[in-house]
Each structure stands twice: as C-alpha cells, then as structure tokens.
C-alpha cells in the first residue's frame, strides 16, 4: 500500500500498489470500508473505486500498457529498472489523472518541482514524453503535450579527471584486498563498460583469464 498522497485538487487518498496496477482505496486506513476494499483488491477482485481509476484513459492504465510494449520489454534489465523507478514516481503522484487532461502546464509544474536537480527533472521529462507518445499511438489523445519542451539547463563543470597523484593517494589508503581497491582496478585497467564491470565475478574467470561478453544497453 502506498502512503497518503494528494491529487491535483488537494484531496488526500491512499493507494493499493501492485507491479501492474495502482488502485485508490476508499475511506481511511483501518476502517471497515478501507480494509474490505484492500481484501478485494488483494484477491484480484474489482471494486468500484479501482474500476474507475483503472479505466483505459487513466495515467496508471497508460503505464501498465507501456510496460507491455516491445519498446519496454526490449530494454536491458538495468535500463528497465531505471525507467521503472522514474515512471513509478510519476505514477504515484498522477496515476489517478486522465491522459487526455495532461497538459503542458501540468508538465511544467512537475519539472519546476525538480528544477534543483536538473538531471532528475530531465529524466522525468523524458519518461513523460515516452508515455505521452504511447498514448498517441493508442489514440488516447491526439497530440503530444510536451513536444518541443525545453530541457532544464544543467550548469556544471563536469567531473574532476584524476591525475596520477590522485590514483596514488587512493591506492595508498585502500590496500590490496579491500573492495574499494578492487573497484578501482576494474575501472582503471580493464577498459570495460560500466554495465560489464558491474556484472564481473568469479564465474568469468577461466584458467586465469577474465572472459566476459559485453552487453549492449539501450
């Protein structure tokens, strides 16, 4: 069950959450009405509140539909996890809303709420764009509300590139046998992608040779 949230009208509500569905529950937690609805949903039974919120044109239903697309299923496991994390945050706040009522000003407010973290704001914008394009493909709406929407500018000097003295200082502090030292060696000497380094283990060591197939991410 999700904690209390407020809809766009400021009305508090609670949700029963499942990987493929999100249903608002009636009443207050622990009341007979609330608990009866919880039990019905847990058993897979439909109730009137859930039925209304899982209608074809709701944001929550759009998310469920997107997860079933080949575009979503074809993502690598790591990318799929990243996408789902962002989409579920959007769904938790706006899943009860109607797809056709999602307008540019709604998206602007969502982006503005995350403006202090430009990367997070732009990632959310990208996921909303994916969902809205899927909505157009389903004919749930006739336009993409954020087409041409400008990304949040991310002013940064980038990451500091380590010099030899930085590496030497790290190695002096983290002796061989420590996990941090192992991580540095994997990052510095193998020339592998991040996804490949994260998967490396003893199973890839054969006759003293480290062998791993590079995995292309989407």
C-alpha atoms as a PDB file:
ATOM      1  CA  UNK A   1       0.000   0.000   0.000  1.00  0.00           C
ATOM      2  CA  UNK A   2       1.229   3.471  -0.832  1.00  0.00           C
ATOM      3  CA  UNK A   3       1.278   6.236   1.806  1.00  0.00           C
ATOM      4  CA  UNK A   4      -1.167   9.081   1.689  1.00  0.00           C
ATOM      5  CA  UNK A   5      -0.880  11.333  -1.358  1.00  0.00           C
ATOM      6  CA  UNK A   6      -2.848  14.312  -2.574  1.00  0.00           C
ATOM      7  CA  UNK A   7      -4.372  14.593  -6.018  1.00  0.00           C
ATOM      8  CA  UNK A   8      -4.233  17.735  -8.138  1.00  0.00           C
ATOM      9  CA  UNK A   9      -7.256  19.068  -6.256  1.00  0.00           C
ATOM     10  CA  UNK A  10      -5.578  18.630  -2.873  1.00  0.00           C
ATOM     11  CA  UNK A  11      -7.803  15.703  -1.878  1.00  0.00           C
ATOM     12  CA  UNK A  12      -5.966  13.059   0.214  1.00  0.00           C
ATOM     13  CA  UNK A  13      -6.124   9.417  -0.842  1.00  0.00           C
ATOM     14  CA  UNK A  14      -4.355   6.096  -0.305  1.00  0.00           C
ATOM     15  CA  UNK A  15      -3.395   3.546  -2.946  1.00  0.00           C
ATOM     16  CA  UNK A  16      -3.012  -0.208  -3.159  1.00  0.00           C
ATOM     17  CA  UNK A  17       0.065  -0.782  -5.275  1.00  0.00           C
ATOM     18  CA  UNK A  18       0.915  -3.777  -7.449  1.00  0.00           C
ATOM     19  CA  UNK A  19       3.578  -4.001 -10.228  1.00  0.00           C
ATOM     20  CA  UNK A  20       0.873  -3.801 -12.905  1.00  0.00           C
ATOM     21  CA  UNK A  21      -1.812  -1.759 -11.205  1.00  0.00           C
ATOM     22  CA  UNK A  22      -2.398   1.091  -8.805  1.00  0.00           C
ATOM     23  CA  UNK A  23      -5.824   1.445  -7.228  1.00  0.00           C
ATOM     24  CA  UNK A  24      -7.144   4.158  -4.913  1.00  0.00           C
ATOM     25  CA  UNK A  25      -8.819   2.884  -1.759  1.00  0.00           C
ATOM     26  CA  UNK A  26     -11.950   4.373  -0.176  1.00  0.00           C
ATOM     27  CA  UNK A  27     -12.175   5.774   3.334  1.00  0.00           C
ATOM     28  CA  UNK A  28      -9.461   5.984   5.955  1.00  0.00           C
ATOM     29  CA  UNK A  29      -6.889   3.264   6.741  1.00  0.00           C
ATOM     30  CA  UNK A  30      -8.145   0.501   9.062  1.00  0.00           C
ATOM     31  CA  UNK A  31     -11.809   1.457   8.655  1.00  0.00           C
ATOM     32  CA  UNK A  32     -14.123  -1.433   7.616  1.00  0.00           C
ATOM     33  CA  UNK A  33     -14.679   0.144   4.186  1.00  0.00           C
ATOM     34  CA  UNK A  34     -10.947   0.566   3.603  1.00  0.00           C
ATOM     35  CA  UNK A  35      -9.983  -2.926   4.766  1.00  0.00           C
ATOM     36  CA  UNK A  36     -12.768  -4.570   2.750  1.00  0.00           C
ATOM     37  CA  UNK A  37     -11.507  -2.842  -0.403  1.00  0.00           C
ATOM     38  CA  UNK A  38      -7.918  -3.937   0.400  1.00  0.00           C
ATOM     39  CA  UNK A  39      -9.021  -7.538   0.723  1.00  0.00           C
ATOM     40  CA  UNK A  40     -10.938  -7.456  -2.571  1.00  0.00           C
ATOM     41  CA  UNK A  41      -8.012  -5.996  -4.490  1.00  0.00           C
ATOM     42  CA  UNK A  42      -5.553  -8.467  -2.927  1.00  0.00           C
ATOM     43  CA  UNK A  43      -7.770 -11.318  -4.137  1.00  0.00           C
ATOM     44  CA  UNK A  44      -7.890  -9.861  -7.634  1.00  0.00           C
ATOM     45  CA  UNK A  45     -11.489  -8.713  -7.332  1.00  0.00           C
ATOM     46  CA  UNK A  46     -12.531  -5.407  -8.787  1.00  0.00           C
ATOM     47  CA  UNK A  47     -14.207  -2.719  -6.744  1.00  0.00           C
ATOM     48  CA  UNK A  48     -15.924   0.393  -7.979  1.00  0.00           C
ATOM     49  CA  UNK A  49     -13.134   2.741  -6.920  1.00  0.00           C
ATOM     50  CA  UNK A  50     -10.438   0.647  -8.532  1.00  0.00           C
ATOM     51  CA  UNK A  51     -12.524   0.140 -11.637  1.00  0.00           C
ATOM     52  CA  UNK A  52     -12.892   3.866 -12.067  1.00  0.00           C
ATOM     53  CA  UNK A  53      -9.181   4.522 -11.665  1.00  0.00           C
ATOM     54  CA  UNK A  54      -8.014   1.772 -13.970  1.00  0.00           C
ATOM     55  CA  UNK A  55     -10.108   2.968 -16.877  1.00  0.00           C
ATOM     56  CA  UNK A  56      -8.457   2.981 -20.265  1.00  0.00           C
ATOM     57  CA  UNK A  57      -7.748   6.697 -20.202  1.00  0.00           C
ATOM     58  CA  UNK A  58      -6.010   6.986 -16.815  1.00  0.00           C
ATOM     59  CA  UNK A  59      -2.289   7.628 -16.364  1.00  0.00           C
ATOM     60  CA  UNK A  60      -1.998   4.430 -14.323  1.00  0.00           C
ATOM     61  CA  UNK A  61      -3.550   2.377 -17.120  1.00  0.00           C
ATOM     62  CA  UNK A  62      -1.221   4.054 -19.625  1.00  0.00           C
ATOM     63  CA  UNK A  63       1.793   2.997 -17.536  1.00  0.00           C
ATOM     64  CA  UNK A  64       0.556  -0.607 -17.426  1.00  0.00           C
ATOM     65  CA  UNK A  65       0.089  -0.551 -21.209  1.00  0.00           C
ATOM     66  CA  UNK A  66       3.559   0.895 -21.775  1.00  0.00           C
ATOM     67  CA  UNK A  67       5.181  -1.866 -19.712  1.00  0.00           C
ATOM     68  CA  UNK A  68       3.635  -4.391 -22.100  1.00  0.00           C
ATOM     69  CA  UNK A  69       5.096  -2.813 -25.249  1.00  0.00           C
ATOM     70  CA  UNK A  70       8.042  -4.262 -27.130  1.00  0.00           C
ATOM     71  CA  UNK A  71       9.888  -0.981 -26.561  1.00  0.00           C
ATOM     72  CA  UNK A  72       9.700  -1.514 -22.804  1.00  0.00           C
ATOM     73  CA  UNK A  73      10.270  -5.263 -22.800  1.00  0.00           C
ATOM     74  CA  UNK A  74      13.264  -4.901 -25.120  1.00  0.00           C
ATOM     75  CA  UNK A  75      15.208  -2.703 -22.702  1.00  0.00           C
ATOM     76  CA  UNK A  76      18.172  -4.130 -20.837  1.00  0.00           C
ATOM     77  CA  UNK A  77      17.483  -5.087 -17.219  1.00  0.00           C
ATOM     78  CA  UNK A  78      19.441  -2.128 -15.854  1.00  0.00           C
ATOM     79  CA  UNK A  79      17.717   0.378 -18.144  1.00  0.00           C
ATOM     80  CA  UNK A  80      14.327  -1.166 -17.419  1.00  0.00           C
ATOM     81  CA  UNK A  81      14.915  -0.732 -13.689  1.00  0.00           C
ATOM     82  CA  UNK A  82      15.937   2.900 -14.164  1.00  0.00           C
ATOM     83  CA  UNK A  83      12.923   3.693 -16.338  1.00  0.00           C
ATOM     84  CA  UNK A  84      10.500   1.949 -13.997  1.00  0.00           C
ATOM     85  CA  UNK A  85      11.819   3.840 -10.967  1.00  0.00           C
ATOM     86  CA  UNK A  86      11.171   7.206 -12.627  1.00  0.00           C
ATOM     87  CA  UNK A  87       7.834   6.191 -14.155  1.00  0.00           C
ATOM     88  CA  UNK A  88       6.546   4.815 -10.850  1.00  0.00           C
ATOM     89  CA  UNK A  89       7.289   8.125  -9.118  1.00  0.00           C
ATOM     90  CA  UNK A  90       5.244   9.885 -11.780  1.00  0.00           C
ATOM     91  CA  UNK A  91       2.518   7.267 -11.471  1.00  0.00           C
ATOM     92  CA  UNK A  92       2.362   7.570  -7.667  1.00  0.00           C
ATOM     93  CA  UNK A  93       1.603  11.292  -7.908  1.00  0.00           C
ATOM     94  CA  UNK A  94      -0.514  11.387 -11.066  1.00  0.00           C
ATOM     95  CA  UNK A  95      -1.746   7.837 -11.789  1.00  0.00           C
ATOM     96  CA  UNK A  96      -5.340   8.774 -10.945  1.00  0.00           C
ATOM     97  CA  UNK A  97      -5.386  11.548 -13.562  1.00  0.00           C
ATOM     98  CA  UNK A  98      -6.711  11.253 -17.088  1.00  0.00           C
ATOM     99  CA  UNK A  99      -4.325  11.034 -20.018  1.00  0.00           C
ATOM    100  CA  UNK A 100      -6.367  13.444 -22.126  1.00  0.00           C
ATOM    101  CA  UNK A 101      -6.241  16.066 -19.367  1.00  0.00           C
ATOM    102  CA  UNK A 102      -2.434  16.093 -19.129  1.00  0.00           C
ATOM    103  CA  UNK A 103      -1.361  19.474 -20.467  1.00  0.00           C
ATOM    104  CA  UNK A 104       1.905  21.374 -20.883  1.00  0.00           C
ATOM    105  CA  UNK A 105       1.301  23.443 -17.749  1.00  0.00           C
ATOM    106  CA  UNK A 106       0.989  20.243 -15.691  1.00  0.00           C
ATOM    107  CA  UNK A 107       4.334  19.033 -17.004  1.00  0.00           C
ATOM    108  CA  UNK A 108       5.890  22.445 -16.379  1.00  0.00           C
ATOM    109  CA  UNK A 109       4.876  22.226 -12.715  1.00  0.00           C
ATOM    110  CA  UNK A 110       6.362  18.730 -12.418  1.00  0.00           C
ATOM    111  CA  UNK A 111       9.630  19.865 -13.980  1.00  0.00           C
ATOM    112  CA  UNK A 112       9.726  23.025 -11.860  1.00  0.00           C
ATOM    113  CA  UNK A 113       9.301  20.895  -8.732  1.00  0.00           C
ATOM    114  CA  UNK A 114      12.537  19.078  -9.625  1.00  0.00           C
ATOM    115  CA  UNK A 115      14.393  22.072 -11.055  1.00  0.00           C
ATOM    116  CA  UNK A 116      17.031  21.994  -8.291  1.00  0.00           C
ATOM    117  CA  UNK A 117      18.178  18.646  -9.682  1.00  0.00           C
ATOM    118  CA  UNK A 118      18.245  19.233 -13.464  1.00  0.00           C
ATOM    119  CA  UNK A 119      19.252  15.665 -14.317  1.00  0.00           C
ATOM    120  CA  UNK A 120      16.296  14.243 -12.374  1.00  0.00           C
ATOM    121  CA  UNK A 121      13.941  16.801 -13.922  1.00  0.00           C
ATOM    122  CA  UNK A 122      15.101  15.944 -17.442  1.00  0.00           C
ATOM    123  CA  UNK A 123      14.832  12.207 -16.781  1.00  0.00           C
ATOM    124  CA  UNK A 124      11.262  12.671 -15.587  1.00  0.00           C
ATOM    125  CA  UNK A 125      10.526  14.785 -18.663  1.00  0.00           C
ATOM    126  CA  UNK A 126      11.879  12.027 -20.893  1.00  0.00           C
ATOM    127  CA  UNK A 127       9.690   9.361 -19.262  1.00  0.00           C
ATOM    128  CA  UNK A 128       6.572  11.514 -19.528  1.00  0.00           C
ATOM    129  CA  UNK A 129       7.393  12.044 -23.204  1.00  0.00           C
ATOM    130  CA  UNK A 130       7.632   8.259 -23.711  1.00  0.00           C
ATOM    131  CA  UNK A 131       4.270   7.752 -22.040  1.00  0.00           C
ATOM    132  CA  UNK A 132       2.543  10.524 -23.970  1.00  0.00           C
ATOM    133  CA  UNK A 133       3.876   9.208 -27.300  1.00  0.00           C
ATOM    134  CA  UNK A 134       2.485   5.824 -26.348  1.00  0.00           C
ATOM    135  CA  UNK A 135      -0.842   7.496 -25.560  1.00  0.00           C
ATOM    136  CA  UNK A 136      -0.918   8.961 -29.076  1.00  0.00           C
ATOM    137  CA  UNK A 137      -0.167   5.504 -30.529  1.00  0.00           C
ATOM    138  CA  UNK A 138      -3.139   4.144 -28.562  1.00  0.00           C
ATOM    139  CA  UNK A 139      -5.327   7.052 -29.772  1.00  0.00           C
ATOM    140  CA  UNK A 140      -5.983   8.035 -26.170  1.00  0.00           C
ATOM    141  CA  UNK A 141      -5.080  11.570 -27.176  1.00  0.00           C
ATOM    142  CA  UNK A 142      -4.318  13.271 -30.478  1.00  0.00           C
ATOM    143  CA  UNK A 143      -1.205  15.228 -29.566  1.00  0.00           C
ATOM    144  CA  UNK A 144       1.971  15.090 -27.527  1.00  0.00           C
ATOM    145  CA  UNK A 145       1.628  17.795 -24.860  1.00  0.00           C
ATOM    146  CA  UNK A 146       5.362  18.219 -24.325  1.00  0.00           C
ATOM    147  CA  UNK A 147       6.540  18.154 -27.924  1.00  0.00           C
ATOM    148  CA  UNK A 148       9.318  20.723 -28.218  1.00  0.00           C
ATOM    149  CA  UNK A 149       9.511  21.116 -24.440  1.00  0.00           C
ATOM    150  CA  UNK A 150      12.903  22.534 -23.483  1.00  0.00           C
ATOM    151  CA  UNK A 151      15.074  20.594 -21.070  1.00  0.00           C
ATOM    152  CA  UNK A 152      16.243  22.085 -17.792  1.00  0.00           C
ATOM    153  CA  UNK A 153      19.705  23.562 -18.224  1.00  0.00           C
ATOM    154  CA  UNK A 154      22.304  21.768 -16.176  1.00  0.00           C
ATOM    155  CA  UNK A 155      25.243  24.055 -15.422  1.00  0.00           C
ATOM    156  CA  UNK A 156      28.211  22.007 -14.327  1.00  0.00           C
ATOM    157  CA  UNK A 157      31.949  21.946 -14.664  1.00  0.00           C
ATOM    158  CA  UNK A 158      31.835  18.182 -15.036  1.00  0.00           C
ATOM    159  CA  UNK A 159      33.765  15.630 -13.028  1.00  0.00           C
ATOM    160  CA  UNK A 160      37.371  16.067 -11.999  1.00  0.00           C
ATOM    161  CA  UNK A 161      39.673  13.871 -14.062  1.00  0.00           C
ATOM    162  CA  UNK A 162      42.026  12.042 -11.744  1.00  0.00           C
ATOM    163  CA  UNK A 163      45.735  12.609 -12.172  1.00  0.00           C
ATOM    164  CA  UNK A 164      48.441  10.118 -11.226  1.00  0.00           C
ATOM    165  CA  UNK A 165      48.766  11.617  -7.743  1.00  0.00           C
ATOM    166  CA  UNK A 166      45.042  11.066  -7.084  1.00  0.00           C
ATOM    167  CA  UNK A 167      45.331   7.406  -8.044  1.00  0.00           C
ATOM    168  CA  UNK A 168      48.471   7.001  -5.915  1.00  0.00           C
ATOM    169  CA  UNK A 169      46.749   8.553  -2.890  1.00  0.00           C
ATOM    170  CA  UNK A 170      43.741   6.254  -3.303  1.00  0.00           C
ATOM    171  CA  UNK A 171      45.934   3.162  -3.591  1.00  0.00           C
ATOM    172  CA  UNK A 172      47.950   4.205  -0.543  1.00  0.00           C
ATOM    173  CA  UNK A 173      44.783   4.422   1.520  1.00  0.00           C
ATOM    174  CA  UNK A 174      42.984   1.358   0.102  1.00  0.00           C
ATOM    175  CA  UNK A 175      45.386  -1.577   0.257  1.00  0.00           C
ATOM    176  CA  UNK A 176      45.117  -4.678  -1.998  1.00  0.00           C
ATOM    177  CA  UNK A 177      42.337  -6.986  -0.839  1.00  0.00           C
ATOM    178  CA  UNK A 178      39.943  -4.146   0.002  1.00  0.00           C
ATOM    179  CA  UNK A 179      36.815  -3.904  -2.139  1.00  0.00           C
ATOM    180  CA  UNK A 180      37.429  -0.232  -2.940  1.00  0.00           C
ATOM    181  CA  UNK A 181      40.859  -1.137  -4.337  1.00  0.00           C
ATOM    182  CA  UNK A 182      39.301  -3.913  -6.432  1.00  0.00           C
ATOM    183  CA  UNK A 183      36.728  -1.449  -7.796  1.00  0.00           C
ATOM    184  CA  UNK A 184      39.477   0.961  -8.812  1.00  0.00           C
ATOM    185  CA  UNK A 185      41.390  -1.786 -10.617  1.00  0.00           C
ATOM    186  CA  UNK A 186      38.278  -2.873 -12.509  1.00  0.00           C
ATOM    187  CA  UNK A 187      37.512   0.691 -13.512  1.00  0.00           C
ATOM    188  CA  UNK A 188      41.063   1.674 -14.394  1.00  0.00           C
ATOM    189  CA  UNK A 189      42.656  -1.287 -16.120  1.00  0.00           C
ATOM    190  CA  UNK A 190      40.031  -3.370 -17.936  1.00  0.00           C
ATOM    191  CA  UNK A 191      38.525  -0.922 -20.427  1.00  0.00           C
ATOM    192  CA  UNK A 192      35.043  -2.359 -19.948  1.00  0.00           C
ATOM    193  CA  UNK A 193      31.685  -0.614 -19.953  1.00  0.00           C
ATOM    194  CA  UNK A 194      30.144   0.186 -16.573  1.00  0.00           C
ATOM    195  CA  UNK A 195      27.476  -2.492 -17.066  1.00  0.00           C
ATOM    196  CA  UNK A 196      30.167  -5.088 -17.777  1.00  0.00           C
ATOM    197  CA  UNK A 197      32.245  -4.162 -14.739  1.00  0.00           C
ATOM    198  CA  UNK A 198      29.177  -4.362 -12.501  1.00  0.00           C
ATOM    199  CA  UNK A 199      28.477  -7.938 -13.673  1.00  0.00           C
ATOM    200  CA  UNK A 200      32.005  -9.257 -13.296  1.00  0.00           C
ATOM    201  CA  UNK A 201      32.536 -12.099 -10.874  1.00  0.00           C
ATOM    202  CA  UNK A 202      34.473 -15.298 -10.267  1.00  0.00           C
ATOM    203  CA  UNK A 203      32.251 -17.040 -12.827  1.00  0.00           C
ATOM    204  CA  UNK A 204      34.022 -15.058 -15.552  1.00  0.00           C
ATOM    205  CA  UNK A 205      37.499 -16.252 -14.545  1.00  0.00           C
ATOM    206  CA  UNK A 206      38.612 -19.239 -16.608  1.00  0.00           C
ATOM    207  CA  UNK A 207      42.122 -20.696 -16.393  1.00  0.00           C
ATOM    208  CA  UNK A 208      43.489 -17.415 -15.092  1.00  0.00           C
ATOM    209  CA  UNK A 209      41.836 -15.362 -17.836  1.00  0.00           C
ATOM    210  CA  UNK A 210      38.951 -12.967 -17.279  1.00  0.00           C
ATOM    211  CA  UNK A 211      36.389 -13.523 -20.037  1.00  0.00           C
ATOM    212  CA  UNK A 212      33.131 -11.584 -20.317  1.00  0.00           C
ATOM    213  CA  UNK A 213      30.788 -10.790 -23.200  1.00  0.00           C
ATOM    214  CA  UNK A 214      29.993  -7.103 -23.479  1.00  0.00           C
ATOM    215  CA  UNK A 215      26.338  -6.296 -23.069  1.00  0.00           C
ATOM    216  CA  UNK A 216      24.882  -3.551 -25.212  1.00  0.00           C
ATOM    217  CA  UNK A 217      22.453  -1.358 -23.286  1.00  0.00           C
ATOM    218  CA  UNK A 218      19.513   0.500 -24.767  1.00  0.00           C
END
